[in-house]
């Protein structure tokens, strides 16, 4: 009887590396694949033990996924523009307290399900500060939604007419942090009042809201234009909320004058 003395061909190291990279990409281990390719073009891996090398690959994959998750949260938040905490200017006199901002940037108010109101005249930096906090939330893995208040309420009125408003409200409710920019810029109409109440009722003591407004909080009641709804909205909003009241000239005006 014939015996088969053939042995399996030995795969060259280069081919093994190609196969490994292909498997990593198929399993969507893109961070690990990038690190592995990096190691092939240097002698870095030769200085490591196998377990240390594996640990390094896993750490790179973790970093890659964390960065991708943050980018995804920022994209989904639909911020109007980029604003980072380190870009907030404390040298301008506008009533902004650095210590208060550092406490807010810790995002404890979000974990405590509290709200934040940022008020002040046009151009004082309300939207920038709110967005910077939103960016910080995304970096911390907190799903955030940014919306111009008038546009959001307008789109929800359309959704209500189409019968899809419940689905839209659920999307908002899923975000632990909601930023309503320029709320009460114009008084609410009869259709907007119950929609805003629904949003706030869904989030009351469960999720946080950041509201920016040119009007002081004391004037919000009148902007709602209906005492019963105003009572319900304000009662759910103002208790245990943090407030930032900005003063001074428009930063846009100051910047334009400086450029001249």
C-alpha atoms as a PDB file:
ATOM      1  CA  UNK A   1       0.000   0.000   0.000  1.00  0.00           C
ATOM      2  CA  UNK A   2       1.288   3.391  -1.038  1.00  0.00           C
ATOM      3  CA  UNK A   3       1.905   5.931   1.626  1.00  0.00           C
ATOM      4  CA  UNK A   4       1.604   9.636   0.997  1.00  0.00           C
ATOM      5  CA  UNK A   5       4.743  11.277   2.281  1.00  0.00           C
ATOM      6  CA  UNK A   6       3.797  14.708   0.990  1.00  0.00           C
ATOM      7  CA  UNK A   7       3.642  17.399   3.623  1.00  0.00           C
ATOM      8  CA  UNK A   8       1.602  20.610   3.497  1.00  0.00           C
ATOM      9  CA  UNK A   9       3.511  23.470   1.903  1.00  0.00           C
ATOM     10  CA  UNK A  10       4.976  25.971   4.334  1.00  0.00           C
ATOM     11  CA  UNK A  11       3.332  29.362   3.937  1.00  0.00           C
ATOM     12  CA  UNK A  12       5.911  32.126   3.592  1.00  0.00           C
ATOM     13  CA  UNK A  13       5.816  34.698   6.372  1.00  0.00           C
ATOM     14  CA  UNK A  14       4.816  37.419   3.900  1.00  0.00           C
ATOM     15  CA  UNK A  15       1.792  35.389   2.797  1.00  0.00           C
ATOM     16  CA  UNK A  16       0.839  34.679   6.405  1.00  0.00           C
ATOM     17  CA  UNK A  17       0.885  38.406   7.147  1.00  0.00           C
ATOM     18  CA  UNK A  18      -1.286  39.102   4.111  1.00  0.00           C
ATOM     19  CA  UNK A  19      -3.790  36.494   5.259  1.00  0.00           C
ATOM     20  CA  UNK A  20      -3.784  37.933   8.785  1.00  0.00           C
ATOM     21  CA  UNK A  21      -4.411  41.446   7.486  1.00  0.00           C
ATOM     22  CA  UNK A  22      -7.212  40.204   5.263  1.00  0.00           C
ATOM     23  CA  UNK A  23      -8.876  38.456   8.212  1.00  0.00           C
ATOM     24  CA  UNK A  24      -8.576  41.574  10.379  1.00  0.00           C
ATOM     25  CA  UNK A  25     -10.276  43.683   7.728  1.00  0.00           C
ATOM     26  CA  UNK A  26     -12.998  41.062   7.229  1.00  0.00           C
ATOM     27  CA  UNK A  27     -13.684  41.087  10.956  1.00  0.00           C
ATOM     28  CA  UNK A  28     -13.626  44.919  10.848  1.00  0.00           C
ATOM     29  CA  UNK A  29     -10.655  45.088  13.204  1.00  0.00           C
ATOM     30  CA  UNK A  30      -9.443  48.149  11.329  1.00  0.00           C
ATOM     31  CA  UNK A  31      -7.481  49.656  14.195  1.00  0.00           C
ATOM     32  CA  UNK A  32      -5.669  46.396  14.773  1.00  0.00           C
ATOM     33  CA  UNK A  33      -5.001  46.025  11.039  1.00  0.00           C
ATOM     34  CA  UNK A  34      -3.475  49.502  10.831  1.00  0.00           C
ATOM     35  CA  UNK A  35      -1.251  48.763  13.820  1.00  0.00           C
ATOM     36  CA  UNK A  36      -0.202  45.403  12.382  1.00  0.00           C
ATOM     37  CA  UNK A  37       0.728  47.003   9.046  1.00  0.00           C
ATOM     38  CA  UNK A  38       2.704  49.622  10.950  1.00  0.00           C
ATOM     39  CA  UNK A  39       4.615  46.890  12.770  1.00  0.00           C
ATOM     40  CA  UNK A  40       5.500  45.169   9.469  1.00  0.00           C
ATOM     41  CA  UNK A  41       7.278  48.284   8.200  1.00  0.00           C
ATOM     42  CA  UNK A  42       9.469  48.604  11.293  1.00  0.00           C
ATOM     43  CA  UNK A  43      11.387  46.530  13.807  1.00  0.00           C
ATOM     44  CA  UNK A  44       9.060  47.633  16.591  1.00  0.00           C
ATOM     45  CA  UNK A  45       7.400  44.226  17.044  1.00  0.00           C
ATOM     46  CA  UNK A  46      10.740  42.464  17.391  1.00  0.00           C
ATOM     47  CA  UNK A  47      11.356  44.214  20.701  1.00  0.00           C
ATOM     48  CA  UNK A  48       8.103  42.894  22.209  1.00  0.00           C
ATOM     49  CA  UNK A  49       7.055  39.567  23.642  1.00  0.00           C
ATOM     50  CA  UNK A  50       4.068  37.881  21.926  1.00  0.00           C
ATOM     51  CA  UNK A  51       1.684  38.758  24.754  1.00  0.00           C
ATOM     52  CA  UNK A  52       2.879  42.386  24.793  1.00  0.00           C
ATOM     53  CA  UNK A  53       2.448  42.582  21.027  1.00  0.00           C
ATOM     54  CA  UNK A  54      -1.108  41.238  21.275  1.00  0.00           C
ATOM     55  CA  UNK A  55      -1.894  43.684  24.066  1.00  0.00           C
ATOM     56  CA  UNK A  56      -0.592  46.551  21.903  1.00  0.00           C
ATOM     57  CA  UNK A  57      -2.732  45.454  18.937  1.00  0.00           C
ATOM     58  CA  UNK A  58      -5.859  45.258  21.122  1.00  0.00           C
ATOM     59  CA  UNK A  59      -5.167  48.699  22.627  1.00  0.00           C
ATOM     60  CA  UNK A  60      -4.863  50.200  19.141  1.00  0.00           C
ATOM     61  CA  UNK A  61      -8.168  48.605  18.137  1.00  0.00           C
ATOM     62  CA  UNK A  62      -9.829  50.014  21.258  1.00  0.00           C
ATOM     63  CA  UNK A  63      -8.465  53.508  20.532  1.00  0.00           C
ATOM     64  CA  UNK A  64      -9.643  53.284  16.925  1.00  0.00           C
ATOM     65  CA  UNK A  65     -13.169  52.286  17.916  1.00  0.00           C
ATOM     66  CA  UNK A  66     -13.363  54.947  20.626  1.00  0.00           C
ATOM     67  CA  UNK A  67     -12.333  57.664  18.160  1.00  0.00           C
ATOM     68  CA  UNK A  68     -14.803  56.363  15.565  1.00  0.00           C
ATOM     69  CA  UNK A  69     -17.610  56.349  18.139  1.00  0.00           C
ATOM     70  CA  UNK A  70     -16.875  59.961  19.095  1.00  0.00           C
ATOM     71  CA  UNK A  71     -16.852  61.040  15.450  1.00  0.00           C
ATOM     72  CA  UNK A  72     -20.160  59.250  14.919  1.00  0.00           C
ATOM     73  CA  UNK A  73     -21.740  60.985  17.943  1.00  0.00           C
ATOM     74  CA  UNK A  74     -20.510  64.383  16.746  1.00  0.00           C
ATOM     75  CA  UNK A  75     -21.883  63.733  13.249  1.00  0.00           C
ATOM     76  CA  UNK A  76     -25.249  62.572  14.584  1.00  0.00           C
ATOM     77  CA  UNK A  77     -25.515  65.593  16.914  1.00  0.00           C
ATOM     78  CA  UNK A  78     -25.788  67.874  13.842  1.00  0.00           C
ATOM     79  CA  UNK A  79     -23.953  70.781  15.418  1.00  0.00           C
ATOM     80  CA  UNK A  80     -24.244  74.020  13.503  1.00  0.00           C
ATOM     81  CA  UNK A  81     -20.500  74.618  13.738  1.00  0.00           C
ATOM     82  CA  UNK A  82     -17.401  73.366  15.511  1.00  0.00           C
ATOM     83  CA  UNK A  83     -16.814  74.648  19.021  1.00  0.00           C
ATOM     84  CA  UNK A  84     -14.333  73.210  21.483  1.00  0.00           C
ATOM     85  CA  UNK A  85     -14.093  73.859  25.248  1.00  0.00           C
ATOM     86  CA  UNK A  86     -10.466  74.981  24.969  1.00  0.00           C
ATOM     87  CA  UNK A  87     -11.515  77.706  22.507  1.00  0.00           C
ATOM     88  CA  UNK A  88     -13.806  79.494  24.985  1.00  0.00           C
ATOM     89  CA  UNK A  89     -12.431  82.987  25.603  1.00  0.00           C
ATOM     90  CA  UNK A  90     -12.464  84.020  29.265  1.00  0.00           C
ATOM     91  CA  UNK A  91     -10.537  87.252  28.705  1.00  0.00           C
ATOM     92  CA  UNK A  92     -13.605  89.093  27.394  1.00  0.00           C
ATOM     93  CA  UNK A  93     -15.774  90.711  30.050  1.00  0.00           C
ATOM     94  CA  UNK A  94     -19.200  89.120  29.596  1.00  0.00           C
ATOM     95  CA  UNK A  95     -20.068  87.553  32.945  1.00  0.00           C
ATOM     96  CA  UNK A  96     -18.635  84.121  32.111  1.00  0.00           C
ATOM     97  CA  UNK A  97     -17.154  82.343  35.115  1.00  0.00           C
ATOM     98  CA  UNK A  98     -14.349  79.879  34.372  1.00  0.00           C
ATOM     99  CA  UNK A  99     -14.967  77.845  37.531  1.00  0.00           C
ATOM    100  CA  UNK A 100     -18.632  77.407  36.668  1.00  0.00           C
ATOM    101  CA  UNK A 101     -17.737  76.378  33.121  1.00  0.00           C
ATOM    102  CA  UNK A 102     -15.228  73.798  34.357  1.00  0.00           C
ATOM    103  CA  UNK A 103     -17.906  72.305  36.595  1.00  0.00           C
ATOM    104  CA  UNK A 104     -20.347  72.191  33.673  1.00  0.00           C
ATOM    105  CA  UNK A 105     -17.698  70.612  31.425  1.00  0.00           C
ATOM    106  CA  UNK A 106     -17.465  67.743  33.923  1.00  0.00           C
ATOM    107  CA  UNK A 107     -21.018  66.945  32.701  1.00  0.00           C
ATOM    108  CA  UNK A 108     -22.240  66.139  36.203  1.00  0.00           C
ATOM    109  CA  UNK A 109     -25.399  68.093  35.408  1.00  0.00           C
ATOM    110  CA  UNK A 110     -26.150  65.604  32.615  1.00  0.00           C
ATOM    111  CA  UNK A 111     -25.703  62.580  34.885  1.00  0.00           C
ATOM    112  CA  UNK A 112     -27.918  64.362  37.423  1.00  0.00           C
ATOM    113  CA  UNK A 113     -30.592  65.010  34.747  1.00  0.00           C
ATOM    114  CA  UNK A 114     -30.439  68.760  35.321  1.00  0.00           C
ATOM    115  CA  UNK A 115     -30.860  71.561  32.776  1.00  0.00           C
ATOM    116  CA  UNK A 116     -28.729  74.512  31.746  1.00  0.00           C
ATOM    117  CA  UNK A 117     -29.950  77.922  30.571  1.00  0.00           C
ATOM    118  CA  UNK A 118     -27.600  80.279  28.719  1.00  0.00           C
ATOM    119  CA  UNK A 119     -29.082  83.736  28.178  1.00  0.00           C
ATOM    120  CA  UNK A 120     -27.755  86.994  26.788  1.00  0.00           C
ATOM    121  CA  UNK A 121     -28.083  89.382  23.886  1.00  0.00           C
ATOM    122  CA  UNK A 122     -27.219  88.415  20.318  1.00  0.00           C
ATOM    123  CA  UNK A 123     -23.550  87.696  19.674  1.00  0.00           C
ATOM    124  CA  UNK A 124     -22.438  87.156  23.262  1.00  0.00           C
ATOM    125  CA  UNK A 125     -21.444  83.541  22.600  1.00  0.00           C
ATOM    126  CA  UNK A 126     -24.445  81.558  23.845  1.00  0.00           C
ATOM    127  CA  UNK A 127     -24.538  79.090  20.959  1.00  0.00           C
ATOM    128  CA  UNK A 128     -20.763  78.620  20.991  1.00  0.00           C
ATOM    129  CA  UNK A 129     -20.719  77.759  24.694  1.00  0.00           C
ATOM    130  CA  UNK A 130     -23.689  75.379  24.355  1.00  0.00           C
ATOM    131  CA  UNK A 131     -22.039  73.669  21.380  1.00  0.00           C
ATOM    132  CA  UNK A 132     -18.705  73.374  23.201  1.00  0.00           C
ATOM    133  CA  UNK A 133     -20.484  71.568  26.038  1.00  0.00           C
ATOM    134  CA  UNK A 134     -22.174  69.378  23.428  1.00  0.00           C
ATOM    135  CA  UNK A 135     -18.788  68.480  21.911  1.00  0.00           C
ATOM    136  CA  UNK A 136     -17.497  67.602  25.363  1.00  0.00           C
ATOM    137  CA  UNK A 137     -20.537  65.370  25.880  1.00  0.00           C
ATOM    138  CA  UNK A 138     -19.881  63.551  22.603  1.00  0.00           C
ATOM    139  CA  UNK A 139     -16.224  63.034  23.572  1.00  0.00           C
ATOM    140  CA  UNK A 140     -17.497  61.463  26.794  1.00  0.00           C
ATOM    141  CA  UNK A 141     -19.737  59.067  24.861  1.00  0.00           C
ATOM    142  CA  UNK A 142     -23.008  60.914  25.564  1.00  0.00           C
ATOM    143  CA  UNK A 143     -25.471  60.989  22.685  1.00  0.00           C
ATOM    144  CA  UNK A 144     -26.325  64.621  22.008  1.00  0.00           C
ATOM    145  CA  UNK A 145     -28.758  66.430  19.720  1.00  0.00           C
ATOM    146  CA  UNK A 146     -28.353  70.049  18.658  1.00  0.00           C
ATOM    147  CA  UNK A 147     -31.245  71.937  17.064  1.00  0.00           C
ATOM    148  CA  UNK A 148     -32.289  75.472  16.316  1.00  0.00           C
ATOM    149  CA  UNK A 149     -35.477  75.659  18.371  1.00  0.00           C
ATOM    150  CA  UNK A 150     -37.634  77.387  15.743  1.00  0.00           C
ATOM    151  CA  UNK A 151     -36.575  74.985  12.986  1.00  0.00           C
ATOM    152  CA  UNK A 152     -37.106  71.956  15.208  1.00  0.00           C
ATOM    153  CA  UNK A 153     -40.582  73.024  16.270  1.00  0.00           C
ATOM    154  CA  UNK A 154     -41.406  73.830  12.654  1.00  0.00           C
ATOM    155  CA  UNK A 155     -40.316  70.384  11.464  1.00  0.00           C
ATOM    156  CA  UNK A 156     -42.265  68.737  14.290  1.00  0.00           C
ATOM    157  CA  UNK A 157     -45.404  70.622  13.269  1.00  0.00           C
ATOM    158  CA  UNK A 158     -45.013  69.125   9.791  1.00  0.00           C
ATOM    159  CA  UNK A 159     -44.420  65.686  11.317  1.00  0.00           C
ATOM    160  CA  UNK A 160     -47.592  66.050  13.378  1.00  0.00           C
ATOM    161  CA  UNK A 161     -49.586  66.838  10.242  1.00  0.00           C
ATOM    162  CA  UNK A 162     -48.116  63.734   8.579  1.00  0.00           C
ATOM    163  CA  UNK A 163     -48.761  61.555  11.633  1.00  0.00           C
ATOM    164  CA  UNK A 164     -45.072  60.823  12.236  1.00  0.00           C
ATOM    165  CA  UNK A 165     -44.451  63.065  15.234  1.00  0.00           C
ATOM    166  CA  UNK A 166     -44.291  60.209  17.766  1.00  0.00           C
ATOM    167  CA  UNK A 167     -41.326  58.679  15.929  1.00  0.00           C
ATOM    168  CA  UNK A 168     -39.579  62.063  15.807  1.00  0.00           C
ATOM    169  CA  UNK A 169     -40.158  62.683  19.516  1.00  0.00           C
ATOM    170  CA  UNK A 170     -38.707  59.237  20.289  1.00  0.00           C
ATOM    171  CA  UNK A 171     -35.504  60.191  18.441  1.00  0.00           C
ATOM    172  CA  UNK A 172     -35.184  63.276  20.621  1.00  0.00           C
ATOM    173  CA  UNK A 173     -36.008  61.374  23.786  1.00  0.00           C
ATOM    174  CA  UNK A 174     -33.215  58.856  23.149  1.00  0.00           C
ATOM    175  CA  UNK A 175     -30.569  61.591  23.507  1.00  0.00           C
ATOM    176  CA  UNK A 176     -29.400  62.179  27.096  1.00  0.00           C
ATOM    177  CA  UNK A 177     -28.512  65.763  26.121  1.00  0.00           C
ATOM    178  CA  UNK A 178     -30.668  68.047  23.966  1.00  0.00           C
ATOM    179  CA  UNK A 179     -29.507  71.521  22.954  1.00  0.00           C
ATOM    180  CA  UNK A 180     -32.314  73.926  21.979  1.00  0.00           C
ATOM    181  CA  UNK A 181     -30.658  76.964  20.462  1.00  0.00           C
ATOM    182  CA  UNK A 182     -32.408  80.373  20.344  1.00  0.00           C
ATOM    183  CA  UNK A 183     -35.590  79.270  22.068  1.00  0.00           C
ATOM    184  CA  UNK A 184     -38.268  81.968  22.482  1.00  0.00           C
ATOM    185  CA  UNK A 185     -36.683  84.119  19.769  1.00  0.00           C
ATOM    186  CA  UNK A 186     -40.308  84.561  18.660  1.00  0.00           C
ATOM    187  CA  UNK A 187     -43.391  83.761  20.800  1.00  0.00           C
ATOM    188  CA  UNK A 188     -44.699  80.195  20.465  1.00  0.00           C
ATOM    189  CA  UNK A 189     -47.833  79.641  18.414  1.00  0.00           C
ATOM    190  CA  UNK A 190     -50.779  77.397  19.309  1.00  0.00           C
ATOM    191  CA  UNK A 191     -49.250  74.351  17.560  1.00  0.00           C
ATOM    192  CA  UNK A 192     -45.754  74.779  18.965  1.00  0.00           C
ATOM    193  CA  UNK A 193     -46.778  75.055  22.623  1.00  0.00           C
ATOM    194  CA  UNK A 194     -48.028  71.467  23.093  1.00  0.00           C
ATOM    195  CA  UNK A 195     -45.072  70.111  21.099  1.00  0.00           C
ATOM    196  CA  UNK A 196     -42.554  71.886  23.326  1.00  0.00           C
ATOM    197  CA  UNK A 197     -44.447  70.668  26.375  1.00  0.00           C
ATOM    198  CA  UNK A 198     -44.235  67.083  25.068  1.00  0.00           C
ATOM    199  CA  UNK A 199     -40.460  67.397  24.607  1.00  0.00           C
ATOM    200  CA  UNK A 200     -39.956  68.804  28.080  1.00  0.00           C
ATOM    201  CA  UNK A 201     -42.367  66.352  29.715  1.00  0.00           C
ATOM    202  CA  UNK A 202     -40.510  63.417  28.127  1.00  0.00           C
ATOM    203  CA  UNK A 203     -37.218  64.689  29.551  1.00  0.00           C
ATOM    204  CA  UNK A 204     -38.358  65.907  32.962  1.00  0.00           C
ATOM    205  CA  UNK A 205     -36.049  64.381  35.615  1.00  0.00           C
ATOM    206  CA  UNK A 206     -34.860  61.842  33.015  1.00  0.00           C
ATOM    207  CA  UNK A 207     -32.707  63.710  30.484  1.00  0.00           C
ATOM    208  CA  UNK A 208     -30.977  67.100  30.276  1.00  0.00           C
ATOM    209  CA  UNK A 209     -31.677  70.158  28.138  1.00  0.00           C
ATOM    210  CA  UNK A 210     -29.426  73.099  27.336  1.00  0.00           C
ATOM    211  CA  UNK A 211     -31.464  76.125  26.278  1.00  0.00           C
ATOM    212  CA  UNK A 212     -29.983  79.276  24.807  1.00  0.00           C
ATOM    213  CA  UNK A 213     -32.151  82.368  24.539  1.00  0.00           C
ATOM    214  CA  UNK A 214     -31.813  86.090  23.988  1.00  0.00           C
ATOM    215  CA  UNK A 215     -34.572  86.587  26.546  1.00  0.00           C
ATOM    216  CA  UNK A 216     -33.916  86.344  30.285  1.00  0.00           C
ATOM    217  CA  UNK A 217     -35.584  83.404  32.005  1.00  0.00           C
ATOM    218  CA  UNK A 218     -38.047  85.800  33.663  1.00  0.00           C
ATOM    219  CA  UNK A 219     -39.497  86.609  30.207  1.00  0.00           C
ATOM    220  CA  UNK A 220     -39.990  83.025  29.008  1.00  0.00           C
ATOM    221  CA  UNK A 221     -43.395  82.699  30.633  1.00  0.00           C
ATOM    222  CA  UNK A 222     -44.823  85.518  28.495  1.00  0.00           C
ATOM    223  CA  UNK A 223     -43.275  84.077  25.302  1.00  0.00           C
ATOM    224  CA  UNK A 224     -45.209  80.850  25.758  1.00  0.00           C
ATOM    225  CA  UNK A 225     -48.379  82.951  25.494  1.00  0.00           C
ATOM    226  CA  UNK A 226     -50.741  80.542  27.247  1.00  0.00           C
ATOM    227  CA  UNK A 227     -50.763  80.566  31.076  1.00  0.00           C
ATOM    228  CA  UNK A 228     -51.677  76.914  31.655  1.00  0.00           C
ATOM    229  CA  UNK A 229     -49.044  75.573  29.248  1.00  0.00           C
ATOM    230  CA  UNK A 230     -46.533  78.150  30.494  1.00  0.00           C
ATOM    231  CA  UNK A 231     -47.010  76.967  34.071  1.00  0.00           C
ATOM    232  CA  UNK A 232     -46.463  73.343  33.026  1.00  0.00           C
ATOM    233  CA  UNK A 233     -43.373  74.099  30.927  1.00  0.00           C
ATOM    234  CA  UNK A 234     -41.686  76.449  33.390  1.00  0.00           C
ATOM    235  CA  UNK A 235     -42.397  74.207  36.369  1.00  0.00           C
ATOM    236  CA  UNK A 236     -40.599  71.309  34.652  1.00  0.00           C
ATOM    237  CA  UNK A 237     -37.725  73.421  33.334  1.00  0.00           C
ATOM    238  CA  UNK A 238     -36.495  75.792  35.981  1.00  0.00           C
ATOM    239  CA  UNK A 239     -36.172  73.746  39.162  1.00  0.00           C
ATOM    240  CA  UNK A 240     -32.535  72.741  39.871  1.00  0.00           C
ATOM    241  CA  UNK A 241     -31.370  74.244  36.559  1.00  0.00           C
ATOM    242  CA  UNK A 242     -27.970  75.893  36.150  1.00  0.00           C
ATOM    243  CA  UNK A 243     -27.871  79.347  34.593  1.00  0.00           C
ATOM    244  CA  UNK A 244     -25.321  81.412  32.689  1.00  0.00           C
ATOM    245  CA  UNK A 245     -26.302  85.016  32.019  1.00  0.00           C
ATOM    246  CA  UNK A 246     -23.973  86.640  29.494  1.00  0.00           C
ATOM    247  CA  UNK A 247     -23.572  90.393  29.256  1.00  0.00           C
ATOM    248  CA  UNK A 248     -21.622  92.868  27.160  1.00  0.00           C
ATOM    249  CA  UNK A 249     -21.301  93.656  23.483  1.00  0.00           C
ATOM    250  CA  UNK A 250     -21.654  91.300  20.549  1.00  0.00           C
ATOM    251  CA  UNK A 251     -18.457  89.319  19.984  1.00  0.00           C
ATOM    252  CA  UNK A 252     -19.147  89.385  16.257  1.00  0.00           C
ATOM    253  CA  UNK A 253     -19.282  93.192  16.355  1.00  0.00           C
ATOM    254  CA  UNK A 254     -16.073  93.360  18.395  1.00  0.00           C
ATOM    255  CA  UNK A 255     -14.333  91.014  15.946  1.00  0.00           C
ATOM    256  CA  UNK A 256     -15.463  93.079  12.952  1.00  0.00           C
ATOM    257  CA  UNK A 257     -14.176  96.272  14.562  1.00  0.00           C
ATOM    258  CA  UNK A 258     -10.854  94.608  15.367  1.00  0.00           C
ATOM    259  CA  UNK A 259     -10.452  93.415  11.758  1.00  0.00           C
ATOM    260  CA  UNK A 260     -11.057  96.970  10.517  1.00  0.00           C
END
